[in-house]
Amino acid sequence: MKEMKVNVGDVCKVINCWAVYVKYHKFARMAGHPDLISENYIKYGKTGIVSDKTVRVLYIGQHHRLFDKTIAVVETIDSEVYLKFMISIDGLELTNEKSPINLTEYLSGKPLTEIIDDYYISQSFIDAIIDRNPMDLQYLSFTVLIDVLKASDYERVLRLDGGLLGLLPESRRTLELCRIAIENEPYAKRFVPKYLKGFV
C-alpha cells in the first residue's frame, strides 16, 4: 500500500487502529515525546479506543525496524480523554480541515498573519512560537493563552523578552512572572497589575 503524504500539523482520522504502536520506546524518545512511555496513554491490546478518532500530527519519522514504515506521533482533538500515540501513517486518513498554517510551514519561515484556530494548536506549535518568535503569541486566542499555556511556557517567553509581559492575560501575570519580566526588561514594569506593583 502506497503511503500518503502527511505533514506535521495535519488533522487526520484514524482509519485503522491496528496501525497503532504502543511499545517502540526508542522511537518515542527519538521523536521527543518521552511521555508516550511514562504516561502510557494506550495500553497493549486496547488500541481500539482510537478507532475513528480525529487527531493532529505532532511528529513524523522512519523506524528502521518496522520495514522503513513512516510513523507519526499524534494527539487526539476534541476527545473526552486526551490520548497521544504512535501510528503508521497508512492508518490515517487526511481530513479536509487544514490549518491556515501548519507547524512545518511555520518552521520553514512562513509568517503568522492571523489568529490560529484553537483546533490546530498543539504544544509543539506553542514551543515553536516561543523558540522562533515569542511575539507571535499575539496570534494565539485568549482561550489558548489562558487555558493551554503553562506557567513554564510564560517563564520561557519572559526570559527571552520581558517586555512581552503585556501580551499575557492579566490574570496570568503572577508576582514571580512579573519579577522575571522586569529582571529581563525594566520597561515591563508598566505591564505589572496594580495589585502587584508594590511587590516588584
N, C-alpha and C. Protein backbone atom coordinates (compact mmCIF):
# COMPACT_ATOMS: atom_id res chain seq x y z
N MET A 1 0.84 -1.19 0.00
CA MET A 1 0.00 0.00 0.00
C MET A 1 0.89 1.24 0.00
N LYS A 2 0.63 2.17 -0.91
CA LYS A 2 1.43 3.39 -1.00
C LYS A 2 1.05 4.35 0.12
N GLU A 3 2.08 4.87 0.82
CA GLU A 3 1.81 5.78 1.93
C GLU A 3 1.45 7.16 1.41
N MET A 4 0.50 7.80 2.05
CA MET A 4 0.10 9.14 1.64
C MET A 4 1.04 10.18 2.24
N LYS A 5 0.93 11.38 1.75
CA LYS A 5 1.73 12.48 2.24
C LYS A 5 1.02 13.13 3.43
N VAL A 6 1.65 13.05 4.57
CA VAL A 6 1.11 13.65 5.79
C VAL A 6 2.18 14.57 6.34
N ASN A 7 1.79 15.76 6.77
CA ASN A 7 2.72 16.72 7.35
C ASN A 7 2.41 16.96 8.81
N VAL A 8 3.43 17.40 9.55
CA VAL A 8 3.22 17.82 10.92
C VAL A 8 2.20 18.95 10.92
N GLY A 9 1.22 18.86 11.81
CA GLY A 9 0.17 19.87 11.88
C GLY A 9 -1.11 19.46 11.19
N ASP A 10 -1.04 18.41 10.32
CA ASP A 10 -2.24 17.97 9.61
C ASP A 10 -3.24 17.34 10.58
N VAL A 11 -4.51 17.46 10.24
CA VAL A 11 -5.58 16.84 11.02
C VAL A 11 -6.05 15.62 10.24
N CYS A 12 -6.10 14.47 10.92
CA CYS A 12 -6.45 13.21 10.27
C CYS A 12 -7.47 12.45 11.10
N LYS A 13 -8.03 11.42 10.48
CA LYS A 13 -8.90 10.50 11.19
C LYS A 13 -8.22 9.14 11.22
N VAL A 14 -8.31 8.44 12.36
CA VAL A 14 -7.74 7.10 12.48
C VAL A 14 -8.67 6.13 11.77
N ILE A 15 -8.17 5.49 10.71
CA ILE A 15 -9.00 4.54 9.95
C ILE A 15 -8.58 3.10 10.20
N ASN A 16 -7.47 2.89 10.90
CA ASN A 16 -7.02 1.53 11.19
C ASN A 16 -6.32 1.52 12.54
N CYS A 17 -7.04 1.13 13.57
CA CYS A 17 -6.46 1.13 14.92
C CYS A 17 -5.38 0.05 15.08
N TRP A 18 -5.32 -0.91 14.13
CA TRP A 18 -4.27 -1.93 14.19
C TRP A 18 -2.92 -1.35 13.78
N ALA A 19 -2.91 -0.14 13.23
CA ALA A 19 -1.66 0.50 12.83
C ALA A 19 -1.00 1.25 13.98
N VAL A 20 -1.62 1.20 15.17
CA VAL A 20 -1.09 1.88 16.35
C VAL A 20 0.04 1.07 16.97
N TYR A 21 1.10 1.77 17.40
CA TYR A 21 2.23 1.13 18.09
C TYR A 21 2.28 1.63 19.52
N VAL A 22 2.47 0.72 20.45
CA VAL A 22 2.49 1.13 21.86
C VAL A 22 3.83 0.84 22.55
N LYS A 23 4.73 0.10 21.88
CA LYS A 23 5.92 -0.36 22.59
C LYS A 23 7.25 0.19 22.08
N TYR A 24 7.24 1.03 21.06
CA TYR A 24 8.50 1.46 20.47
C TYR A 24 9.08 2.65 21.22
N HIS A 25 9.66 2.36 22.38
CA HIS A 25 10.17 3.40 23.27
C HIS A 25 11.32 4.19 22.65
N LYS A 26 12.18 3.51 21.91
CA LYS A 26 13.31 4.21 21.28
C LYS A 26 12.79 5.26 20.30
N PHE A 27 11.77 4.91 19.53
CA PHE A 27 11.18 5.85 18.58
C PHE A 27 10.53 7.01 19.32
N ALA A 28 9.84 6.72 20.41
CA ALA A 28 9.18 7.77 21.19
C ALA A 28 10.20 8.78 21.72
N ARG A 29 11.33 8.27 22.21
CA ARG A 29 12.38 9.17 22.71
C ARG A 29 13.00 9.96 21.57
N MET A 30 13.27 9.31 20.45
CA MET A 30 13.85 9.98 19.29
C MET A 30 12.92 11.08 18.79
N ALA A 31 11.61 10.85 18.88
CA ALA A 31 10.62 11.81 18.41
C ALA A 31 10.47 12.99 19.37
N GLY A 32 11.06 12.88 20.56
CA GLY A 32 10.95 13.96 21.54
C GLY A 32 9.64 13.91 22.32
N HIS A 33 9.07 12.71 22.43
CA HIS A 33 7.81 12.54 23.17
C HIS A 33 7.96 11.41 24.20
N PRO A 34 8.83 11.61 25.21
CA PRO A 34 9.02 10.55 26.22
C PRO A 34 7.77 10.29 27.05
N ASP A 35 6.80 11.23 27.04
CA ASP A 35 5.57 11.00 27.80
C ASP A 35 4.78 9.82 27.24
N LEU A 36 5.06 9.42 25.99
CA LEU A 36 4.42 8.23 25.43
C LEU A 36 4.77 7.01 26.26
N ILE A 37 5.96 7.04 26.85
CA ILE A 37 6.42 5.92 27.68
C ILE A 37 5.90 6.07 29.10
N SER A 38 6.10 7.27 29.68
CA SER A 38 5.74 7.47 31.08
C SER A 38 4.22 7.48 31.31
N GLU A 39 3.47 8.09 30.38
CA GLU A 39 2.02 8.19 30.56
C GLU A 39 1.29 6.94 30.09
N ASN A 40 1.88 6.24 29.12
CA ASN A 40 1.28 5.01 28.60
C ASN A 40 -0.20 5.23 28.26
N TYR A 41 -0.44 6.21 27.40
CA TYR A 41 -1.81 6.61 27.05
C TYR A 41 -2.66 5.45 26.53
N ILE A 42 -2.03 4.57 25.75
CA ILE A 42 -2.77 3.43 25.21
C ILE A 42 -2.04 2.15 25.60
N LYS A 43 -2.76 1.27 26.24
CA LYS A 43 -2.15 0.03 26.70
C LYS A 43 -2.25 -1.04 25.60
N TYR A 44 -1.31 -1.97 25.65
CA TYR A 44 -1.27 -3.06 24.68
C TYR A 44 -2.61 -3.79 24.69
N GLY A 45 -3.15 -4.04 23.50
CA GLY A 45 -4.43 -4.74 23.39
C GLY A 45 -5.64 -3.82 23.48
N LYS A 46 -5.42 -2.53 23.70
CA LYS A 46 -6.53 -1.58 23.85
C LYS A 46 -6.52 -0.52 22.76
N THR A 47 -5.91 -0.82 21.62
CA THR A 47 -5.79 0.20 20.57
C THR A 47 -7.13 0.56 19.93
N GLY A 48 -8.14 -0.25 20.14
CA GLY A 48 -9.45 0.04 19.57
C GLY A 48 -10.06 1.34 20.06
N ILE A 49 -9.58 1.86 21.18
CA ILE A 49 -10.16 3.10 21.72
C ILE A 49 -9.88 4.31 20.82
N VAL A 50 -8.95 4.17 19.86
CA VAL A 50 -8.66 5.31 18.99
C VAL A 50 -9.36 5.20 17.63
N SER A 51 -10.13 4.16 17.43
CA SER A 51 -10.82 3.97 16.16
C SER A 51 -11.72 5.17 15.86
N ASP A 52 -11.57 5.73 14.65
CA ASP A 52 -12.37 6.87 14.18
C ASP A 52 -12.09 8.18 14.92
N LYS A 53 -11.07 8.22 15.75
CA LYS A 53 -10.73 9.47 16.46
C LYS A 53 -10.11 10.46 15.48
N THR A 54 -10.35 11.74 15.73
CA THR A 54 -9.70 12.80 14.96
C THR A 54 -8.43 13.19 15.72
N VAL A 55 -7.33 13.25 14.98
CA VAL A 55 -6.03 13.51 15.61
C VAL A 55 -5.24 14.57 14.84
N ARG A 56 -4.31 15.18 15.55
CA ARG A 56 -3.38 16.13 14.94
C ARG A 56 -2.00 15.49 14.93
N VAL A 57 -1.28 15.62 13.80
CA VAL A 57 0.05 15.03 13.68
C VAL A 57 1.08 15.94 14.35
N LEU A 58 1.86 15.37 15.27
CA LEU A 58 2.87 16.12 16.01
C LEU A 58 4.29 15.86 15.51
N TYR A 59 4.52 14.67 14.96
CA TYR A 59 5.87 14.27 14.54
C TYR A 59 5.74 13.17 13.50
N ILE A 60 6.67 13.15 12.56
CA ILE A 60 6.71 12.10 11.54
C ILE A 60 8.15 11.62 11.40
N GLY A 61 8.36 10.32 11.35
CA GLY A 61 9.71 9.80 11.18
C GLY A 61 9.70 8.36 10.70
N GLN A 62 10.88 7.88 10.35
CA GLN A 62 11.03 6.50 9.89
C GLN A 62 11.49 5.62 11.04
N HIS A 63 11.04 4.39 11.04
CA HIS A 63 11.51 3.43 12.04
C HIS A 63 12.09 2.24 11.29
N HIS A 64 13.42 2.10 11.33
CA HIS A 64 14.09 1.09 10.51
C HIS A 64 13.71 -0.35 10.88
N ARG A 65 13.29 -0.58 12.11
CA ARG A 65 12.91 -1.94 12.49
C ARG A 65 11.51 -2.31 12.02
N LEU A 66 10.80 -1.33 11.50
CA LEU A 66 9.44 -1.59 11.02
C LEU A 66 9.40 -1.52 9.50
N PHE A 67 10.41 -2.09 8.88
CA PHE A 67 10.48 -2.16 7.42
C PHE A 67 10.39 -0.77 6.79
N ASP A 68 11.06 0.20 7.44
CA ASP A 68 11.09 1.58 6.96
C ASP A 68 9.72 2.22 6.85
N LYS A 69 8.80 1.77 7.68
CA LYS A 69 7.48 2.39 7.70
C LYS A 69 7.58 3.82 8.23
N THR A 70 6.71 4.68 7.76
CA THR A 70 6.64 6.04 8.28
C THR A 70 5.66 6.05 9.45
N ILE A 71 6.16 6.50 10.59
CA ILE A 71 5.37 6.51 11.82
C ILE A 71 5.11 7.95 12.22
N ALA A 72 3.91 8.22 12.69
CA ALA A 72 3.56 9.55 13.19
C ALA A 72 3.26 9.47 14.68
N VAL A 73 3.61 10.54 15.38
CA VAL A 73 3.13 10.72 16.75
C VAL A 73 1.94 11.68 16.62
N VAL A 74 0.80 11.28 17.15
CA VAL A 74 -0.42 12.08 17.02
C VAL A 74 -1.06 12.29 18.38
N GLU A 75 -1.92 13.32 18.46
CA GLU A 75 -2.70 13.54 19.67
C GLU A 75 -4.16 13.71 19.28
N THR A 76 -5.06 13.28 20.16
CA THR A 76 -6.47 13.40 19.87
C THR A 76 -6.93 14.85 19.98
N ILE A 77 -7.95 15.19 19.20
CA ILE A 77 -8.55 16.52 19.21
C ILE A 77 -10.00 16.36 19.63
N ASP A 78 -10.47 17.24 20.51
CA ASP A 78 -11.87 17.23 20.93
C ASP A 78 -12.32 15.86 21.43
N SER A 79 -11.46 15.21 22.18
CA SER A 79 -11.80 13.90 22.72
C SER A 79 -12.01 14.04 24.23
N GLU A 80 -12.93 13.25 24.77
CA GLU A 80 -13.18 13.33 26.22
C GLU A 80 -11.92 13.03 27.01
N VAL A 81 -11.15 12.07 26.54
CA VAL A 81 -9.89 11.70 27.19
C VAL A 81 -8.76 11.99 26.22
N TYR A 82 -7.76 12.77 26.68
CA TYR A 82 -6.62 13.09 25.82
C TYR A 82 -5.76 11.84 25.62
N LEU A 83 -5.43 11.56 24.36
CA LEU A 83 -4.57 10.42 24.03
C LEU A 83 -3.48 10.88 23.08
N LYS A 84 -2.29 10.37 23.30
CA LYS A 84 -1.19 10.61 22.37
C LYS A 84 -0.60 9.24 22.07
N PHE A 85 -0.30 8.98 20.78
CA PHE A 85 0.18 7.65 20.44
C PHE A 85 0.95 7.67 19.12
N MET A 86 1.60 6.55 18.83
CA MET A 86 2.34 6.36 17.59
C MET A 86 1.48 5.51 16.65
N ILE A 87 1.48 5.88 15.38
CA ILE A 87 0.68 5.14 14.41
C ILE A 87 1.35 5.23 13.04
N SER A 88 1.31 4.12 12.31
CA SER A 88 1.79 4.13 10.93
C SER A 88 0.88 5.06 10.14
N ILE A 89 1.45 5.88 9.25
CA ILE A 89 0.59 6.86 8.58
C ILE A 89 -0.41 6.21 7.62
N ASP A 90 -0.20 4.93 7.28
CA ASP A 90 -1.23 4.28 6.46
C ASP A 90 -2.46 3.92 7.29
N GLY A 91 -2.42 4.18 8.59
CA GLY A 91 -3.59 4.01 9.45
C GLY A 91 -4.36 5.31 9.63
N LEU A 92 -3.93 6.36 8.89
CA LEU A 92 -4.57 7.67 8.99
C LEU A 92 -5.20 8.07 7.66
N GLU A 93 -6.20 8.91 7.75
CA GLU A 93 -6.82 9.49 6.55
C GLU A 93 -6.90 11.00 6.75
N LEU A 94 -6.32 11.75 5.81
CA LEU A 94 -6.38 13.21 5.92
C LEU A 94 -7.82 13.69 5.87
N THR A 95 -8.14 14.66 6.70
CA THR A 95 -9.46 15.28 6.63
C THR A 95 -9.36 16.50 5.73
N ASN A 96 -10.46 17.12 5.46
CA ASN A 96 -10.47 18.34 4.65
C ASN A 96 -10.11 19.57 5.47
N GLU A 97 -10.06 19.39 6.79
CA GLU A 97 -9.79 20.52 7.65
C GLU A 97 -8.29 20.79 7.67
N LYS A 98 -7.91 21.96 7.24
CA LYS A 98 -6.50 22.33 7.21
C LYS A 98 -6.30 23.64 7.94
N SER A 99 -5.23 23.72 8.67
CA SER A 99 -4.89 24.98 9.34
C SER A 99 -4.43 25.98 8.30
N PRO A 100 -4.67 27.29 8.52
CA PRO A 100 -4.15 28.29 7.60
C PRO A 100 -2.62 28.23 7.51
N ILE A 101 -2.00 27.68 8.53
CA ILE A 101 -0.56 27.45 8.52
C ILE A 101 -0.28 26.27 9.43
N ASN A 102 0.52 25.32 8.97
CA ASN A 102 0.85 24.21 9.85
C ASN A 102 2.26 24.39 10.42
N LEU A 103 2.61 23.52 11.33
CA LEU A 103 3.88 23.66 12.04
C LEU A 103 5.07 23.60 11.09
N THR A 104 5.02 22.71 10.10
CA THR A 104 6.12 22.59 9.14
C THR A 104 6.32 23.90 8.39
N GLU A 105 5.22 24.51 7.94
CA GLU A 105 5.31 25.78 7.21
C GLU A 105 5.87 26.88 8.11
N TYR A 106 5.41 26.89 9.35
CA TYR A 106 5.87 27.91 10.31
C TYR A 106 7.38 27.79 10.53
N LEU A 107 7.83 26.57 10.74
CA LEU A 107 9.26 26.35 10.98
C LEU A 107 10.10 26.62 9.73
N SER A 108 9.46 26.57 8.56
CA SER A 108 10.16 26.87 7.32
C SER A 108 10.22 28.37 7.03
N GLY A 109 9.59 29.17 7.90
CA GLY A 109 9.69 30.61 7.75
C GLY A 109 8.43 31.34 7.36
N LYS A 110 7.34 30.60 7.11
CA LYS A 110 6.08 31.28 6.75
C LYS A 110 5.59 32.06 7.97
N PRO A 111 5.30 33.36 7.81
CA PRO A 111 4.90 34.16 8.97
C PRO A 111 3.43 33.96 9.34
N LEU A 112 3.14 34.19 10.60
CA LEU A 112 1.75 34.19 11.04
C LEU A 112 1.16 35.55 10.73
N THR A 113 -0.07 35.57 10.23
CA THR A 113 -0.71 36.84 9.89
C THR A 113 -2.12 36.94 10.46
N GLU A 114 -2.60 35.86 11.09
CA GLU A 114 -3.94 35.89 11.66
C GLU A 114 -3.99 34.94 12.85
N ILE A 115 -5.02 35.12 13.67
CA ILE A 115 -5.20 34.25 14.83
C ILE A 115 -5.36 32.81 14.35
N ILE A 116 -4.63 31.90 14.99
CA ILE A 116 -4.71 30.47 14.64
C ILE A 116 -5.90 29.87 15.38
N ASP A 117 -6.72 29.15 14.67
CA ASP A 117 -7.87 28.48 15.29
C ASP A 117 -7.36 27.53 16.37
N ASP A 118 -8.00 27.55 17.54
CA ASP A 118 -7.59 26.70 18.67
C ASP A 118 -7.47 25.24 18.27
N TYR A 119 -8.27 24.82 17.32
CA TYR A 119 -8.32 23.43 16.86
C TYR A 119 -6.95 22.94 16.42
N TYR A 120 -6.09 23.84 15.92
CA TYR A 120 -4.83 23.44 15.35
C TYR A 120 -3.64 23.65 16.29
N ILE A 121 -3.90 24.15 17.47
CA ILE A 121 -2.80 24.45 18.39
C ILE A 121 -2.39 23.19 19.15
N SER A 122 -1.10 22.93 19.16
CA SER A 122 -0.54 21.82 19.93
C SER A 122 0.62 22.37 20.75
N GLN A 123 1.09 21.59 21.70
CA GLN A 123 2.24 22.04 22.49
C GLN A 123 3.47 22.21 21.60
N SER A 124 3.58 21.38 20.57
CA SER A 124 4.70 21.52 19.64
C SER A 124 4.67 22.87 18.93
N PHE A 125 3.46 23.32 18.56
CA PHE A 125 3.31 24.61 17.89
C PHE A 125 3.64 25.74 18.87
N ILE A 126 3.17 25.61 20.10
CA ILE A 126 3.47 26.62 21.12
C ILE A 126 4.98 26.71 21.35
N ASP A 127 5.64 25.56 21.46
CA ASP A 127 7.10 25.54 21.65
C ASP A 127 7.81 26.21 20.49
N ALA A 128 7.33 25.95 19.27
CA ALA A 128 7.95 26.55 18.09
C ALA A 128 7.81 28.07 18.11
N ILE A 129 6.64 28.56 18.50
CA ILE A 129 6.42 30.01 18.58
C ILE A 129 7.35 30.63 19.60
N ILE A 130 7.45 30.01 20.76
CA ILE A 130 8.32 30.56 21.81
C ILE A 130 9.77 30.57 21.36
N ASP A 131 10.22 29.49 20.73
CA ASP A 131 11.62 29.39 20.31
C ASP A 131 11.94 30.28 19.12
N ARG A 132 10.98 30.41 18.20
CA ARG A 132 11.25 31.14 16.95
C ARG A 132 10.98 32.64 17.09
N ASN A 133 9.80 32.98 17.62
CA ASN A 133 9.43 34.39 17.73
C ASN A 133 8.33 34.55 18.76
N PRO A 134 8.69 34.75 20.04
CA PRO A 134 7.69 34.83 21.10
C PRO A 134 6.61 35.89 20.86
N MET A 135 6.93 36.91 20.06
CA MET A 135 5.93 37.94 19.75
C MET A 135 4.72 37.34 19.03
N ASP A 136 4.92 36.18 18.41
CA ASP A 136 3.82 35.53 17.70
C ASP A 136 2.74 34.99 18.65
N LEU A 137 2.97 35.10 19.96
CA LEU A 137 1.91 34.74 20.91
C LEU A 137 0.64 35.55 20.64
N GLN A 138 0.81 36.71 20.03
CA GLN A 138 -0.35 37.55 19.72
C GLN A 138 -1.32 36.87 18.75
N TYR A 139 -0.87 35.82 18.07
CA TYR A 139 -1.72 35.11 17.13
C TYR A 139 -2.41 33.90 17.76
N LEU A 140 -2.26 33.73 19.08
CA LEU A 140 -2.98 32.68 19.79
C LEU A 140 -4.22 33.30 20.41
N SER A 141 -5.30 32.56 20.47
CA SER A 141 -6.54 33.09 21.03
C SER A 141 -6.40 33.27 22.53
N PHE A 142 -7.28 34.09 23.08
CA PHE A 142 -7.30 34.33 24.52
C PHE A 142 -7.51 33.02 25.27
N THR A 143 -8.35 32.15 24.72
CA THR A 143 -8.62 30.86 25.36
C THR A 143 -7.35 30.04 25.48
N VAL A 144 -6.54 30.00 24.41
CA VAL A 144 -5.28 29.25 24.45
C VAL A 144 -4.32 29.88 25.47
N LEU A 145 -4.25 31.21 25.46
CA LEU A 145 -3.35 31.89 26.39
C LEU A 145 -3.72 31.63 27.84
N ILE A 146 -5.01 31.53 28.12
CA ILE A 146 -5.49 31.30 29.49
C ILE A 146 -5.44 29.82 29.88
N ASP A 147 -5.95 28.96 29.00
CA ASP A 147 -6.20 27.57 29.38
C ASP A 147 -5.13 26.57 28.94
N VAL A 148 -4.33 26.92 27.93
CA VAL A 148 -3.39 25.94 27.38
C VAL A 148 -1.95 26.22 27.80
N LEU A 149 -1.51 27.47 27.67
CA LEU A 149 -0.13 27.79 28.03
C LEU A 149 0.09 27.60 29.53
N LYS A 150 1.20 27.00 29.86
CA LYS A 150 1.54 26.73 31.25
C LYS A 150 2.43 27.86 31.79
N ALA A 151 2.57 27.93 33.11
CA ALA A 151 3.44 28.94 33.72
C ALA A 151 4.86 28.81 33.19
N SER A 152 5.29 27.57 32.93
CA SER A 152 6.65 27.36 32.41
C SER A 152 6.80 27.92 30.99
N ASP A 153 5.72 27.88 30.21
CA ASP A 153 5.75 28.49 28.87
C ASP A 153 5.93 30.00 29.00
N TYR A 154 5.16 30.60 29.89
CA TYR A 154 5.27 32.05 30.09
C TYR A 154 6.64 32.44 30.60
N GLU A 155 7.19 31.63 31.48
CA GLU A 155 8.52 31.93 32.01
C GLU A 155 9.56 31.92 30.91
N ARG A 156 9.48 30.94 30.01
CA ARG A 156 10.42 30.88 28.87
C ARG A 156 10.32 32.14 28.02
N VAL A 157 9.07 32.57 27.76
CA VAL A 157 8.85 33.77 26.95
C VAL A 157 9.48 34.99 27.61
N LEU A 158 9.24 35.17 28.89
CA LEU A 158 9.70 36.37 29.59
C LEU A 158 11.21 36.38 29.80
N ARG A 159 11.83 35.23 29.84
CA ARG A 159 13.30 35.19 29.94
C ARG A 159 13.93 35.60 28.60
N LEU A 160 13.17 35.40 27.51
CA LEU A 160 13.64 35.83 26.19
C LEU A 160 13.37 37.31 25.96
N ASP A 161 12.19 37.76 26.42
CA ASP A 161 11.80 39.16 26.22
C ASP A 161 10.79 39.56 27.29
N GLY A 162 11.29 40.20 28.33
CA GLY A 162 10.43 40.60 29.45
C GLY A 162 9.33 41.56 29.05
N GLY A 163 9.55 42.32 27.97
CA GLY A 163 8.55 43.28 27.51
C GLY A 163 7.27 42.62 27.03
N LEU A 164 7.33 41.30 26.79
CA LEU A 164 6.13 40.59 26.32
C LEU A 164 5.16 40.29 27.47
N LEU A 165 5.49 40.77 28.66
CA LEU A 165 4.55 40.63 29.78
C LEU A 165 3.20 41.22 29.39
N GLY A 166 3.23 42.26 28.56
CA GLY A 166 2.00 42.91 28.12
C GLY A 166 1.11 42.04 27.25
N LEU A 167 1.66 40.96 26.68
CA LEU A 167 0.85 40.04 25.87
C LEU A 167 0.13 39.00 26.72
N LEU A 168 0.60 38.82 27.95
CA LEU A 168 -0.01 37.82 28.82
C LEU A 168 -1.34 38.32 29.36
N PRO A 169 -2.36 37.46 29.43
CA PRO A 169 -3.60 37.87 30.08
C PRO A 169 -3.28 38.33 31.50
N GLU A 170 -3.91 39.39 31.95
CA GLU A 170 -3.57 39.95 33.26
C GLU A 170 -3.73 38.92 34.37
N SER A 171 -4.71 38.05 34.25
CA SER A 171 -4.93 37.05 35.30
C SER A 171 -3.79 36.04 35.40
N ARG A 172 -2.95 35.95 34.36
CA ARG A 172 -1.81 35.03 34.39
C ARG A 172 -0.51 35.71 34.79
N ARG A 173 -0.53 37.02 35.04
CA ARG A 173 0.68 37.77 35.41
C ARG A 173 0.91 37.65 36.92
N THR A 174 1.58 36.57 37.30
CA THR A 174 1.86 36.33 38.71
C THR A 174 3.04 37.18 39.16
N LEU A 175 3.22 37.28 40.46
CA LEU A 175 4.34 38.05 41.02
C LEU A 175 5.66 37.50 40.49
N GLU A 176 5.80 36.19 40.48
CA GLU A 176 7.05 35.57 40.00
C GLU A 176 7.32 35.91 38.54
N LEU A 177 6.28 35.82 37.69
CA LEU A 177 6.47 36.13 36.27
C LEU A 177 6.77 37.61 36.06
N CYS A 178 6.13 38.47 36.85
CA CYS A 178 6.40 39.91 36.74
C CYS A 178 7.85 40.21 37.11
N ARG A 179 8.35 39.56 38.13
CA ARG A 179 9.76 39.77 38.54
C ARG A 179 10.73 39.29 37.45
N ILE A 180 10.43 38.15 36.85
CA ILE A 180 11.27 37.64 35.76
C ILE A 180 11.28 38.63 34.60
N ALA A 181 10.09 39.15 34.27
CA ALA A 181 9.97 40.09 33.15
C ALA A 181 10.78 41.36 33.40
N ILE A 182 10.66 41.91 34.59
CA ILE A 182 11.35 43.17 34.92
C ILE A 182 12.86 42.96 34.98
N GLU A 183 13.27 41.81 35.47
CA GLU A 183 14.70 41.50 35.51
C GLU A 183 15.28 41.47 34.10
N ASN A 184 14.50 40.97 33.16
CA ASN A 184 14.94 40.89 31.76
C ASN A 184 14.80 42.23 31.05
N GLU A 185 13.73 42.95 31.38
CA GLU A 185 13.43 44.22 30.69
C GLU A 185 12.71 45.16 31.66
N PRO A 186 13.42 46.14 32.26
CA PRO A 186 12.81 47.04 33.23
C PRO A 186 11.54 47.73 32.73
N TYR A 187 11.46 47.92 31.42
CA TYR A 187 10.28 48.54 30.80
C TYR A 187 9.01 47.75 31.10
N ALA A 188 9.15 46.45 31.39
CA ALA A 188 7.99 45.59 31.62
C ALA A 188 7.20 46.00 32.85
N LYS A 189 7.79 46.85 33.71
CA LYS A 189 7.10 47.26 34.94
C LYS A 189 5.75 47.90 34.64
N ARG A 190 5.62 48.53 33.49
CA ARG A 190 4.35 49.18 33.14
C ARG A 190 3.23 48.18 32.93
N PHE A 191 3.56 46.89 32.74
CA PHE A 191 2.55 45.87 32.50
C PHE A 191 2.21 45.06 33.76
N VAL A 192 2.82 45.42 34.89
CA VAL A 192 2.53 44.72 36.14
C VAL A 192 1.15 45.16 36.64
N PRO A 193 0.29 44.22 37.00
CA PRO A 193 -1.04 44.59 37.52
C PRO A 193 -0.92 45.49 38.75
N LYS A 194 -1.86 46.40 38.92
CA LYS A 194 -1.82 47.39 40.01
C LYS A 194 -1.64 46.73 41.37
N TYR A 195 -2.33 45.62 41.61
CA TYR A 195 -2.28 45.00 42.92
C TYR A 195 -0.92 44.34 43.24
N LEU A 196 -0.02 44.27 42.21
CA LEU A 196 1.31 43.69 42.44
C LEU A 196 2.42 44.74 42.39
N LYS A 197 2.11 45.95 42.01
CA LYS A 197 3.14 46.96 41.80
C LYS A 197 3.99 47.21 43.04
N GLY A 198 3.44 47.12 44.20
CA GLY A 198 4.20 47.36 45.42
C GLY A 198 5.12 46.22 45.81
N PHE A 199 5.08 45.12 45.07
CA PHE A 199 5.87 43.94 45.44
C PHE A 199 7.03 43.66 44.50
N VAL A 200 7.07 44.40 43.38
CA VAL A 200 8.15 44.13 42.40
C VAL A 200 9.24 45.18 42.46
